[in-house]
C-alpha cells in the first residue's frame, strides 16, 4: 500500500498510528488508495468536531452584568 500511495513504509506506519505530524496530503493519498477518498470531506467538517465546538463555545463572551429583575 505504501508503494501505491507513493510513500515510505515508515510514513505509512505513522499514518496508521495517527501521527499528527503527517501531512494531510499523505492522509488523502492513503484514503484514495483505500477507495475512501469521499471521506476526506468528513475530516474537515467542523460540525462533527465536538471538541472544537466546545472550545469555541468557551471563548464566547460571557454576560458581565446580571439581568434586571422585572417589577
PDB file of N, CA and C in Angstrom:
ATOM      1  N   UNK A   1       0.824  -1.184   0.000  1.00  0.00           N
ATOM      2  CA  UNK A   1       0.000   0.000   0.000  1.00  0.00           C
ATOM      3  C   UNK A   1       0.876   1.259   0.000  1.00  0.00           C
ATOM      4  N   UNK A   2       1.978   1.213   0.711  1.00  0.00           N
ATOM      5  CA  UNK A   2       2.871   2.369   0.733  1.00  0.00           C
ATOM      6  C   UNK A   2       3.352   2.708  -0.668  1.00  0.00           C
ATOM      7  N   UNK A   3       3.669   1.695  -1.435  1.00  0.00           N
ATOM      8  CA  UNK A   3       4.134   1.906  -2.805  1.00  0.00           C
ATOM      9  C   UNK A   3       3.044   2.550  -3.658  1.00  0.00           C
ATOM     10  N   UNK A   4       1.805   2.076  -3.514  1.00  0.00           N
ATOM     11  CA  UNK A   4       0.691   2.632  -4.298  1.00  0.00           C
ATOM     12  C   UNK A   4       0.377   4.068  -3.892  1.00  0.00           C
ATOM     13  N   UNK A   5       0.642   4.430  -2.636  1.00  0.00           N
ATOM     14  CA  UNK A   5       0.387   5.799  -2.161  1.00  0.00           C
ATOM     15  C   UNK A   5       1.607   6.693  -2.359  1.00  0.00           C
ATOM     16  N   UNK A   6       2.697   6.135  -2.907  1.00  0.00           N
ATOM     17  CA  UNK A   6       3.948   6.867  -3.162  1.00  0.00           C
ATOM     18  C   UNK A   6       4.547   7.433  -1.869  1.00  0.00           C
ATOM     19  N   UNK A   7       4.514   6.615  -0.817  1.00  0.00           N
ATOM     20  CA  UNK A   7       5.113   7.000   0.465  1.00  0.00           C
ATOM     21  C   UNK A   7       5.966   5.836   0.965  1.00  0.00           C
ATOM     22  N   UNK A   8       6.767   6.096   1.980  1.00  0.00           N
ATOM     23  CA  UNK A   8       7.590   5.031   2.555  1.00  0.00           C
ATOM     24  C   UNK A   8       6.771   4.211   3.546  1.00  0.00           C
ATOM     25  N   UNK A   9       7.293   3.031   3.859  1.00  0.00           N
ATOM     26  CA  UNK A   9       6.612   2.188   4.851  1.00  0.00           C
ATOM     27  C   UNK A   9       6.614   2.864   6.222  1.00  0.00           C
ATOM     28  N   UNK A  10       7.663   3.587   6.505  1.00  0.00           N
ATOM     29  CA  UNK A  10       7.745   4.294   7.786  1.00  0.00           C
ATOM     30  C   UNK A  10       6.637   5.350   7.878  1.00  0.00           C
ATOM     31  N   UNK A  11       6.409   6.076   6.792  1.00  0.00           N
ATOM     32  CA  UNK A  11       5.341   7.082   6.782  1.00  0.00           C
ATOM     33  C   UNK A  11       3.981   6.416   6.901  1.00  0.00           C
ATOM     34  N   UNK A  12       3.801   5.283   6.244  1.00  0.00           N
ATOM     35  CA  UNK A  12       2.543   4.554   6.356  1.00  0.00           C
ATOM     36  C   UNK A  12       2.296   4.114   7.800  1.00  0.00           C
ATOM     37  N   UNK A  13       3.349   3.684   8.469  1.00  0.00           N
ATOM     38  CA  UNK A  13       3.216   3.292   9.875  1.00  0.00           C
ATOM     39  C   UNK A  13       2.798   4.495  10.722  1.00  0.00           C
ATOM     40  N   UNK A  14       3.353   5.661  10.411  1.00  0.00           N
ATOM     41  CA  UNK A  14       2.977   6.885  11.143  1.00  0.00           C
ATOM     42  C   UNK A  14       1.511   7.226  10.893  1.00  0.00           C
ATOM     43  N   UNK A  15       1.027   7.019   9.661  1.00  0.00           N
ATOM     44  CA  UNK A  15      -0.382   7.247   9.342  1.00  0.00           C
ATOM     45  C   UNK A  15      -1.249   6.299  10.160  1.00  0.00           C
ATOM     46  N   UNK A  16      -0.868   5.037  10.211  1.00  0.00           N
ATOM     47  CA  UNK A  16      -1.637   4.035  10.954  1.00  0.00           C
ATOM     48  C   UNK A  16      -1.695   4.348  12.439  1.00  0.00           C
ATOM     49  N   UNK A  17      -0.654   4.995  12.954  1.00  0.00           N
ATOM     50  CA  UNK A  17      -0.611   5.355  14.370  1.00  0.00           C
ATOM     51  C   UNK A  17      -1.312   6.681  14.650  1.00  0.00           C
ATOM     52  N   UNK A  18      -1.736   7.368  13.597  1.00  0.00           N
ATOM     53  CA  UNK A  18      -2.422   8.652  13.774  1.00  0.00           C
ATOM     54  C   UNK A  18      -1.488   9.793  14.110  1.00  0.00           C
ATOM     55  N   UNK A  19      -0.261   9.728  13.671  1.00  0.00           N
ATOM     56  CA  UNK A  19       0.730  10.772  13.951  1.00  0.00           C
ATOM     57  C   UNK A  19       0.271  12.105  13.379  1.00  0.00           C
ATOM     58  N   UNK A  20       0.116  13.139  14.240  1.00  0.00           N
ATOM     59  CA  UNK A  20      -0.334  14.444  13.750  1.00  0.00           C
ATOM     60  C   UNK A  20       0.706  15.179  12.903  1.00  0.00           C
ATOM     61  N   UNK A  21       1.927  14.683  12.873  1.00  0.00           N
ATOM     62  CA  UNK A  21       2.972  15.314  12.078  1.00  0.00           C
ATOM     63  C   UNK A  21       2.925  14.941  10.604  1.00  0.00           C
ATOM     64  N   UNK A  22       2.085  13.988  10.259  1.00  0.00           N
ATOM     65  CA  UNK A  22       1.946  13.568   8.857  1.00  0.00           C
ATOM     66  C   UNK A  22       1.027  14.560   8.152  1.00  0.00           C
ATOM     67  N   UNK A  23       1.405  14.974   6.960  1.00  0.00           N
ATOM     68  CA  UNK A  23       0.629  15.980   6.241  1.00  0.00           C
ATOM     69  C   UNK A  23      -0.718  15.430   5.782  1.00  0.00           C
ATOM     70  N   UNK A  24      -1.661  16.337   5.607  1.00  0.00           N
ATOM     71  CA  UNK A  24      -2.999  15.959   5.134  1.00  0.00           C
ATOM     72  C   UNK A  24      -2.933  15.346   3.736  1.00  0.00           C
ATOM     73  N   UNK A  25      -1.969  15.767   2.941  1.00  0.00           N
ATOM     74  CA  UNK A  25      -1.816  15.199   1.604  1.00  0.00           C
ATOM     75  C   UNK A  25      -1.499  13.716   1.655  1.00  0.00           C
ATOM     76  N   UNK A  26      -0.702  13.311   2.619  1.00  0.00           N
ATOM     77  CA  UNK A  26      -0.374  11.891   2.783  1.00  0.00           C
ATOM     78  C   UNK A  26      -1.623  11.121   3.193  1.00  0.00           C
ATOM     79  N   UNK A  27      -2.376  11.678   4.163  1.00  0.00           N
ATOM     80  CA  UNK A  27      -3.626  11.016   4.573  1.00  0.00           C
ATOM     81  C   UNK A  27      -4.579  10.904   3.386  1.00  0.00           C
ATOM     82  N   UNK A  28      -4.648  11.944   2.569  1.00  0.00           N
ATOM     83  CA  UNK A  28      -5.521  11.922   1.394  1.00  0.00           C
ATOM     84  C   UNK A  28      -5.076  10.839   0.417  1.00  0.00           C
ATOM     85  N   UNK A  29      -3.781  10.700   0.222  1.00  0.00           N
ATOM     86  CA  UNK A  29      -3.264   9.660  -0.683  1.00  0.00           C
ATOM     87  C   UNK A  29      -3.626   8.272  -0.179  1.00  0.00           C
ATOM     88  N   UNK A  30      -3.484   8.052   1.117  1.00  0.00           N
ATOM     89  CA  UNK A  30      -3.795   6.742   1.691  1.00  0.00           C
ATOM     90  C   UNK A  30      -5.289   6.466   1.579  1.00  0.00           C
ATOM     91  N   UNK A  31      -6.122   7.449   1.862  1.00  0.00           N
ATOM     92  CA  UNK A  31      -7.566   7.258   1.732  1.00  0.00           C
ATOM     93  C   UNK A  31      -7.943   6.954   0.281  1.00  0.00           C
ATOM     94  N   UNK A  32      -7.270   7.612  -0.661  1.00  0.00           N
ATOM     95  CA  UNK A  32      -7.539   7.367  -2.077  1.00  0.00           C
ATOM     96  C   UNK A  32      -7.192   5.924  -2.449  1.00  0.00           C
ATOM     97  N   UNK A  33      -6.035   5.453  -1.984  1.00  0.00           N
ATOM     98  CA  UNK A  33      -5.611   4.077  -2.270  1.00  0.00           C
ATOM     99  C   UNK A  33      -6.598   3.081  -1.664  1.00  0.00           C
ATOM    100  N   UNK A  34      -7.148   3.406  -0.513  1.00  0.00           N
ATOM    101  CA  UNK A  34      -8.106   2.511   0.141  1.00  0.00           C
ATOM    102  C   UNK A  34      -9.517   2.620  -0.445  1.00  0.00           C
ATOM    103  N   UNK A  35      -9.692   3.538  -1.417  1.00  0.00           N
ATOM    104  CA  UNK A  35     -11.003   3.725  -2.019  1.00  0.00           C
ATOM    105  C   UNK A  35     -11.953   4.502  -1.121  1.00  0.00           C
ATOM    106  N   UNK A  36     -11.393   5.305  -0.253  1.00  0.00           N
ATOM    107  CA  UNK A  36     -12.191   6.067   0.711  1.00  0.00           C
ATOM    108  C   UNK A  36     -12.013   7.572   0.534  1.00  0.00           C
ATOM    109  N   UNK A  37     -11.726   8.008  -0.677  1.00  0.00           N
ATOM    110  CA  UNK A  37     -11.461   9.426  -0.934  1.00  0.00           C
ATOM    111  C   UNK A  37     -12.656  10.303  -0.592  1.00  0.00           C
ATOM    112  N   UNK A  38     -13.868   9.742  -0.658  1.00  0.00           N
ATOM    113  CA  UNK A  38     -15.061  10.531  -0.345  1.00  0.00           C
ATOM    114  C   UNK A  38     -15.134  10.906   1.133  1.00  0.00           C
ATOM    115  N   UNK A  39     -14.347  10.272   1.986  1.00  0.00           N
ATOM    116  CA  UNK A  39     -14.366  10.564   3.420  1.00  0.00           C
ATOM    117  C   UNK A  39     -13.484  11.754   3.790  1.00  0.00           C
ATOM    118  N   UNK A  40     -12.723  12.278   2.843  1.00  0.00           N
ATOM    119  CA  UNK A  40     -11.841  13.414   3.133  1.00  0.00           C
ATOM    120  C   UNK A  40     -12.655  14.621   3.585  1.00  0.00           C
ATOM    121  N   UNK A  41     -13.813  14.836   2.986  1.00  0.00           N
ATOM    122  CA  UNK A  41     -14.667  15.952   3.377  1.00  0.00           C
ATOM    123  C   UNK A  41     -15.089  15.872   4.834  1.00  0.00           C
ATOM    124  N   UNK A  42     -15.301  14.671   5.332  1.00  0.00           N
ATOM    125  CA  UNK A  42     -15.681  14.492   6.729  1.00  0.00           C
ATOM    126  C   UNK A  42     -14.578  14.862   7.698  1.00  0.00           C
ATOM    127  N   UNK A  43     -13.331  14.769   7.245  1.00  0.00           N
ATOM    128  CA  UNK A  43     -12.209  15.127   8.109  1.00  0.00           C
ATOM    129  C   UNK A  43     -12.159  16.618   8.405  1.00  0.00           C
ATOM    130  N   UNK A  44     -12.633  17.421   7.479  1.00  0.00           N
ATOM    131  CA  UNK A  44     -12.556  18.869   7.646  1.00  0.00           C
ATOM    132  C   UNK A  44     -13.900  19.504   7.985  1.00  0.00           C
ATOM    133  N   UNK A  45     -14.921  18.677   8.198  1.00  0.00           N
ATOM    134  CA  UNK A  45     -16.249  19.191   8.527  1.00  0.00           C
ATOM    135  C   UNK A  45     -16.279  19.622   9.992  1.00  0.00           C
ATOM    136  N   UNK A  46     -16.318  20.920  10.220  1.00  0.00           N
ATOM    137  CA  UNK A  46     -16.243  21.442  11.591  1.00  0.00           C
ATOM    138  C   UNK A  46     -17.474  21.107  12.421  1.00  0.00           C
ATOM    139  N   UNK A  47     -18.590  20.778  11.777  1.00  0.00           N
ATOM    140  CA  UNK A  47     -19.796  20.459  12.541  1.00  0.00           C
ATOM    141  C   UNK A  47     -19.694  19.108  13.245  1.00  0.00           C
ATOM    142  N   UNK A  48     -18.728  18.281  12.876  1.00  0.00           N
ATOM    143  CA  UNK A  48     -18.548  16.990  13.530  1.00  0.00           C
ATOM    144  C   UNK A  48     -17.434  17.010  14.561  1.00  0.00           C
ATOM    145  N   UNK A  49     -16.808  18.153  14.761  1.00  0.00           N
ATOM    146  CA  UNK A  49     -15.695  18.290  15.703  1.00  0.00           C
ATOM    147  C   UNK A  49     -16.234  18.738  17.059  1.00  0.00           C
ATOM    148  N   UNK A  50     -16.605  17.776  17.913  1.00  0.00           N
ATOM    149  CA  UNK A  50     -17.208  18.111  19.208  1.00  0.00           C
ATOM    150  C   UNK A  50     -16.278  18.940  20.081  1.00  0.00           C
ATOM    151  N   UNK A  51     -15.007  18.534  20.165  1.00  0.00           N
ATOM    152  CA  UNK A  51     -14.057  19.265  20.998  1.00  0.00           C
ATOM    153  C   UNK A  51     -13.859  20.681  20.478  1.00  0.00           C
ATOM    154  N   UNK A  52     -13.717  20.837  19.177  1.00  0.00           N
ATOM    155  CA  UNK A  52     -13.547  22.165  18.593  1.00  0.00           C
ATOM    156  C   UNK A  52     -14.735  23.063  18.861  1.00  0.00           C
ATOM    157  N   UNK A  53     -15.939  22.508  18.741  1.00  0.00           N
ATOM    158  CA  UNK A  53     -17.146  23.290  19.011  1.00  0.00           C
ATOM    159  C   UNK A  53     -17.236  23.680  20.482  1.00  0.00           C
ATOM    160  N   UNK A  54     -16.844  22.772  21.381  1.00  0.00           N
ATOM    161  CA  UNK A  54     -16.861  23.073  22.808  1.00  0.00           C
ATOM    162  C   UNK A  54     -15.864  24.186  23.137  1.00  0.00           C
ATOM    163  N   UNK A  55     -14.669  24.105  22.586  1.00  0.00           N
ATOM    164  CA  UNK A  55     -13.665  25.141  22.820  1.00  0.00           C
ATOM    165  C   UNK A  55     -14.120  26.487  22.268  1.00  0.00           C
ATOM    166  N   UNK A  56     -14.788  26.450  21.137  1.00  0.00           N
ATOM    167  CA  UNK A  56     -15.320  27.671  20.542  1.00  0.00           C
ATOM    168  C   UNK A  56     -16.385  28.296  21.445  1.00  0.00           C
ATOM    169  N   UNK A  57     -17.250  27.470  22.010  1.00  0.00           N
ATOM    170  CA  UNK A  57     -18.289  27.962  22.922  1.00  0.00           C
ATOM    171  C   UNK A  57     -17.690  28.590  24.172  1.00  0.00           C
ATOM    172  N   UNK A  58     -16.598  28.026  24.663  1.00  0.00           N
ATOM    173  CA  UNK A  58     -15.954  28.553  25.865  1.00  0.00           C
ATOM    174  C   UNK A  58     -15.363  29.938  25.623  1.00  0.00           C
ATOM    175  N   UNK A  59     -15.050  30.258  24.384  1.00  0.00           N
ATOM    176  CA  UNK A  59     -14.447  31.552  24.072  1.00  0.00           C
ATOM    177  C   UNK A  59     -15.486  32.632  23.785  1.00  0.00           C
ATOM    178  N   UNK A  60     -16.763  32.270  23.772  1.00  0.00           N
ATOM    179  CA  UNK A  60     -17.795  33.275  23.563  1.00  0.00           C
ATOM    180  C   UNK A  60     -17.836  34.224  24.752  1.00  0.00           C
ATOM    181  N   UNK A  61     -18.147  35.495  24.517  1.00  0.00           N
ATOM    182  CA  UNK A  61     -18.198  36.440  25.647  1.00  0.00           C
ATOM    183  C   UNK A  61     -19.295  36.046  26.630  1.00  0.00           C
ATOM    184  N   UNK A  62     -18.980  36.209  27.900  1.00  0.00           N
ATOM    185  CA  UNK A  62     -19.931  35.903  28.958  1.00  0.00           C
ATOM    186  C   UNK A  62     -20.664  37.177  29.369  1.00  0.00           C
ATOM    187  N   UNK A  63     -21.877  37.032  29.851  1.00  0.00           N
ATOM    188  CA  UNK A  63     -22.654  38.172  30.314  1.00  0.00           C
ATOM    189  C   UNK A  63     -21.988  38.718  31.572  1.00  0.00           C
ATOM    190  N   UNK A  64     -21.692  40.015  31.588  1.00  0.00           N
ATOM    191  CA  UNK A  64     -20.982  40.627  32.704  1.00  0.00           C
ATOM    192  C   UNK A  64     -21.957  41.106  33.778  1.00  0.00           C
ATOM    193  N   UNK A  65     -22.986  41.803  33.356  1.00  0.00           N
ATOM    194  CA  UNK A  65     -23.963  42.307  34.319  1.00  0.00           C
ATOM    195  C   UNK A  65     -25.167  41.385  34.380  1.00  0.00           C
ATOM    196  N   UNK A  66     -25.688  41.159  35.597  1.00  0.00           N
ATOM    197  CA  UNK A  66     -26.886  40.328  35.676  1.00  0.00           C
ATOM    198  C   UNK A  66     -28.078  41.074  35.111  1.00  0.00           C
ATOM    199  N   UNK A  67     -29.059  40.322  34.679  1.00  0.00           N
ATOM    200  CA  UNK A  67     -30.277  40.933  34.132  1.00  0.00           C
ATOM    201  C   UNK A  67     -31.032  41.649  35.241  1.00  0.00           C
ATOM    202  N   UNK A  68     -31.694  42.738  34.871  1.00  0.00           N
ATOM    203  CA  UNK A  68     -32.513  43.465  35.845  1.00  0.00           C
ATOM    204  C   UNK A  68     -33.779  42.683  36.107  1.00  0.00           C
ATOM    205  N   UNK A  69     -34.162  42.650  37.387  1.00  0.00           N
ATOM    206  CA  UNK A  69     -35.379  41.947  37.754  1.00  0.00           C
ATOM    207  C   UNK A  69     -36.588  42.770  37.341  1.00  0.00           C
ATOM    208  N   UNK A  70     -37.584  42.113  36.815  1.00  0.00           N
ATOM    209  CA  UNK A  70     -38.817  42.823  36.416  1.00  0.00           C
ATOM    210  C   UNK A  70     -39.636  43.097  37.672  1.00  0.00           C
ATOM    211  N   UNK A  71     -40.229  44.276  37.726  1.00  0.00           N
ATOM    212  CA  UNK A  71     -41.028  44.598  38.903  1.00  0.00           C
ATOM    213  C   UNK A  71     -42.497  44.449  38.674  1.00  0.00           C
TER     214      UNK A  71
END
